Amino acid sequence: MVYIGPHSLVGEIIKLEKDLAYIQCYEDTSGLTIDDKVRRSGNPLSVLLGPGILNNIFDGIQRPLSTIAEESQSV
């Protein structure tokens, strides 16, 4: 797992080729620019599974969509 740019967008390294890393970002990348910093978390991308997951709807990295909708006041 990596954090991308000044807002620490969540991403994952999907391919390594010599000294290049290909990263998939799981958030809106608007505002990212060339030379933005990418920081390794030191951990793989993971999510917790448990009873709370049965009654909620999440995005791809386990953030509850209802909370996101409330905070952004949008769908």
N, C-alpha and C. Protein backbone atom coordinates (compact mmCIF):
# COMPACT_ATOMS: atom_id res chain seq x y z
N MET A 1 0.85 -1.17 0.00
CA MET A 1 0.00 0.00 0.00
C MET A 1 0.90 1.23 0.00
N VAL A 2 0.45 2.24 -0.73
CA VAL A 2 1.21 3.49 -0.81
C VAL A 2 0.26 4.67 -0.60
N TYR A 3 0.83 5.80 -0.24
CA TYR A 3 0.10 7.05 -0.10
C TYR A 3 0.63 8.01 -1.16
N ILE A 4 -0.28 8.61 -1.93
CA ILE A 4 0.11 9.39 -3.09
C ILE A 4 -0.24 10.86 -2.89
N GLY A 5 0.73 11.73 -3.16
CA GLY A 5 0.49 13.17 -3.19
C GLY A 5 0.25 13.80 -1.83
N PRO A 6 -0.06 15.09 -1.84
CA PRO A 6 -0.20 15.85 -0.59
C PRO A 6 -1.42 15.46 0.24
N HIS A 7 -2.39 14.77 -0.38
CA HIS A 7 -3.59 14.37 0.36
C HIS A 7 -3.54 12.89 0.76
N SER A 8 -2.41 12.24 0.55
CA SER A 8 -2.21 10.84 0.92
C SER A 8 -3.30 9.92 0.38
N LEU A 9 -3.53 10.01 -0.94
CA LEU A 9 -4.49 9.12 -1.57
C LEU A 9 -3.99 7.69 -1.46
N VAL A 10 -4.90 6.75 -1.28
CA VAL A 10 -4.52 5.35 -1.09
C VAL A 10 -4.34 4.68 -2.44
N GLY A 11 -3.23 3.96 -2.58
CA GLY A 11 -2.95 3.22 -3.80
C GLY A 11 -2.22 1.93 -3.50
N GLU A 12 -2.00 1.16 -4.56
CA GLU A 12 -1.35 -0.14 -4.42
C GLU A 12 -0.41 -0.34 -5.60
N ILE A 13 0.77 -0.87 -5.32
CA ILE A 13 1.71 -1.20 -6.39
C ILE A 13 1.20 -2.46 -7.07
N ILE A 14 0.94 -2.36 -8.38
CA ILE A 14 0.41 -3.51 -9.10
C ILE A 14 1.44 -4.17 -10.02
N LYS A 15 2.56 -3.46 -10.27
CA LYS A 15 3.60 -4.03 -11.13
C LYS A 15 4.92 -3.34 -10.84
N LEU A 16 5.97 -4.13 -10.73
CA LEU A 16 7.33 -3.60 -10.62
C LEU A 16 8.11 -4.04 -11.85
N GLU A 17 8.80 -3.08 -12.47
CA GLU A 17 9.58 -3.38 -13.66
C GLU A 17 10.88 -2.59 -13.57
N LYS A 18 11.97 -3.28 -13.27
CA LYS A 18 13.26 -2.65 -13.03
C LYS A 18 13.12 -1.56 -11.97
N ASP A 19 13.34 -0.29 -12.31
CA ASP A 19 13.24 0.77 -11.31
C ASP A 19 11.92 1.55 -11.40
N LEU A 20 10.90 0.96 -12.05
CA LEU A 20 9.59 1.60 -12.18
C LEU A 20 8.54 0.84 -11.37
N ALA A 21 7.67 1.57 -10.73
CA ALA A 21 6.53 0.97 -10.03
C ALA A 21 5.25 1.49 -10.68
N TYR A 22 4.36 0.59 -11.00
CA TYR A 22 3.05 0.95 -11.54
C TYR A 22 2.07 0.90 -10.37
N ILE A 23 1.35 1.99 -10.16
CA ILE A 23 0.49 2.13 -8.99
C ILE A 23 -0.95 2.35 -9.42
N GLN A 24 -1.86 1.62 -8.79
CA GLN A 24 -3.28 1.86 -8.98
C GLN A 24 -3.77 2.67 -7.80
N CYS A 25 -4.36 3.82 -8.08
CA CYS A 25 -4.90 4.69 -7.03
C CYS A 25 -6.38 4.40 -6.89
N TYR A 26 -6.86 4.27 -5.66
CA TYR A 26 -8.26 3.91 -5.40
C TYR A 26 -9.13 5.12 -5.09
N GLU A 27 -8.67 6.30 -5.41
CA GLU A 27 -9.43 7.52 -5.14
C GLU A 27 -9.35 8.44 -6.35
N ASP A 28 -10.11 9.51 -6.32
CA ASP A 28 -10.11 10.50 -7.39
C ASP A 28 -8.73 11.14 -7.46
N THR A 29 -8.10 11.10 -8.62
CA THR A 29 -6.73 11.60 -8.78
C THR A 29 -6.67 13.04 -9.27
N SER A 30 -7.82 13.72 -9.31
CA SER A 30 -7.82 15.13 -9.70
C SER A 30 -6.88 15.90 -8.77
N GLY A 31 -6.05 16.73 -9.35
CA GLY A 31 -5.15 17.54 -8.54
C GLY A 31 -3.76 16.95 -8.37
N LEU A 32 -3.58 15.68 -8.70
CA LEU A 32 -2.23 15.11 -8.64
C LEU A 32 -1.40 15.69 -9.78
N THR A 33 -0.13 15.91 -9.51
CA THR A 33 0.75 16.47 -10.52
C THR A 33 2.03 15.64 -10.63
N ILE A 34 2.77 15.88 -11.68
CA ILE A 34 4.06 15.23 -11.86
C ILE A 34 4.95 15.60 -10.68
N ASP A 35 5.70 14.64 -10.20
CA ASP A 35 6.64 14.78 -9.08
C ASP A 35 5.97 14.82 -7.71
N ASP A 36 4.65 14.55 -7.62
CA ASP A 36 4.05 14.39 -6.29
C ASP A 36 4.71 13.19 -5.60
N LYS A 37 4.90 13.29 -4.33
CA LYS A 37 5.57 12.24 -3.57
C LYS A 37 4.66 11.03 -3.40
N VAL A 38 5.27 9.85 -3.41
CA VAL A 38 4.59 8.59 -3.12
C VAL A 38 5.33 7.97 -1.94
N ARG A 39 4.59 7.64 -0.89
CA ARG A 39 5.19 7.07 0.32
C ARG A 39 4.68 5.65 0.54
N ARG A 40 5.59 4.74 0.82
CA ARG A 40 5.21 3.36 1.13
C ARG A 40 4.68 3.28 2.55
N SER A 41 3.67 2.46 2.76
CA SER A 41 3.15 2.27 4.11
C SER A 41 3.93 1.17 4.83
N GLY A 42 4.57 0.30 4.07
CA GLY A 42 5.26 -0.83 4.67
C GLY A 42 4.34 -2.02 4.89
N ASN A 43 3.07 -1.87 4.53
CA ASN A 43 2.09 -2.94 4.72
C ASN A 43 1.35 -3.21 3.42
N PRO A 44 0.85 -4.45 3.25
CA PRO A 44 0.02 -4.71 2.08
C PRO A 44 -1.35 -4.06 2.25
N LEU A 45 -2.05 -3.84 1.15
CA LEU A 45 -3.41 -3.34 1.21
C LEU A 45 -4.27 -4.42 1.83
N SER A 46 -5.02 -4.08 2.87
CA SER A 46 -5.86 -5.08 3.54
C SER A 46 -7.10 -4.42 4.11
N VAL A 47 -8.10 -5.22 4.40
CA VAL A 47 -9.34 -4.76 5.01
C VAL A 47 -9.72 -5.74 6.12
N LEU A 48 -10.44 -5.24 7.11
CA LEU A 48 -10.91 -6.10 8.19
C LEU A 48 -12.29 -6.64 7.84
N LEU A 49 -12.50 -7.91 8.10
CA LEU A 49 -13.80 -8.51 7.88
C LEU A 49 -14.43 -8.81 9.24
N GLY A 50 -15.70 -8.64 9.35
CA GLY A 50 -16.38 -8.91 10.61
C GLY A 50 -17.85 -8.62 10.49
N PRO A 51 -18.58 -8.71 11.60
CA PRO A 51 -20.02 -8.52 11.57
C PRO A 51 -20.47 -7.17 11.00
N GLY A 52 -19.71 -6.11 11.20
CA GLY A 52 -20.09 -4.79 10.71
C GLY A 52 -20.17 -4.69 9.20
N ILE A 53 -19.50 -5.59 8.51
CA ILE A 53 -19.49 -5.53 7.05
C ILE A 53 -20.81 -6.02 6.46
N LEU A 54 -21.60 -6.75 7.22
CA LEU A 54 -22.85 -7.30 6.71
C LEU A 54 -23.96 -6.27 6.57
N ASN A 55 -23.93 -5.21 7.37
CA ASN A 55 -25.01 -4.24 7.38
C ASN A 55 -24.65 -2.91 6.72
N ASN A 56 -23.53 -2.84 6.01
CA ASN A 56 -23.07 -1.60 5.42
C ASN A 56 -22.65 -1.81 3.97
N ILE A 57 -22.50 -0.69 3.26
CA ILE A 57 -21.97 -0.72 1.90
C ILE A 57 -20.68 0.10 1.92
N PHE A 58 -19.61 -0.47 1.38
CA PHE A 58 -18.29 0.14 1.43
C PHE A 58 -17.75 0.41 0.04
N ASP A 59 -16.78 1.35 -0.04
CA ASP A 59 -16.05 1.52 -1.28
C ASP A 59 -14.98 0.43 -1.34
N GLY A 60 -14.10 0.50 -2.31
CA GLY A 60 -13.09 -0.54 -2.51
C GLY A 60 -12.06 -0.67 -1.42
N ILE A 61 -11.95 0.31 -0.52
CA ILE A 61 -10.96 0.22 0.56
C ILE A 61 -11.62 0.35 1.93
N GLN A 62 -12.83 -0.16 2.03
CA GLN A 62 -13.56 -0.35 3.27
C GLN A 62 -13.95 0.93 3.99
N ARG A 63 -14.25 1.98 3.25
CA ARG A 63 -14.80 3.19 3.85
C ARG A 63 -16.30 3.15 3.63
N PRO A 64 -17.10 3.34 4.69
CA PRO A 64 -18.56 3.25 4.53
C PRO A 64 -19.10 4.36 3.64
N LEU A 65 -19.85 3.98 2.60
CA LEU A 65 -20.37 4.96 1.65
C LEU A 65 -21.36 5.91 2.30
N SER A 66 -22.12 5.46 3.30
CA SER A 66 -23.08 6.34 3.97
C SER A 66 -22.35 7.49 4.67
N THR A 67 -21.23 7.22 5.29
CA THR A 67 -20.45 8.26 5.96
C THR A 67 -19.86 9.23 4.94
N ILE A 68 -19.35 8.70 3.83
CA ILE A 68 -18.78 9.54 2.78
C ILE A 68 -19.87 10.46 2.22
N ALA A 69 -21.08 9.92 1.98
CA ALA A 69 -22.17 10.72 1.44
C ALA A 69 -22.58 11.82 2.41
N GLU A 70 -22.63 11.50 3.71
CA GLU A 70 -22.98 12.51 4.70
C GLU A 70 -21.95 13.63 4.75
N GLU A 71 -20.69 13.27 4.78
CA GLU A 71 -19.63 14.28 4.90
C GLU A 71 -19.53 15.15 3.65
N SER A 72 -19.73 14.54 2.47
CA SER A 72 -19.61 15.31 1.23
C SER A 72 -20.93 15.96 0.82
N GLN A 73 -22.00 15.57 1.46
CA GLN A 73 -23.35 16.01 1.12
C GLN A 73 -23.65 15.79 -0.36
N SER A 74 -23.24 14.62 -0.84
CA SER A 74 -23.42 14.23 -2.23
C SER A 74 -23.49 12.71 -2.28
N VAL A 75 -23.87 12.17 -3.44
CA VAL A 75 -23.91 10.72 -3.58
C VAL A 75 -22.55 10.20 -3.87
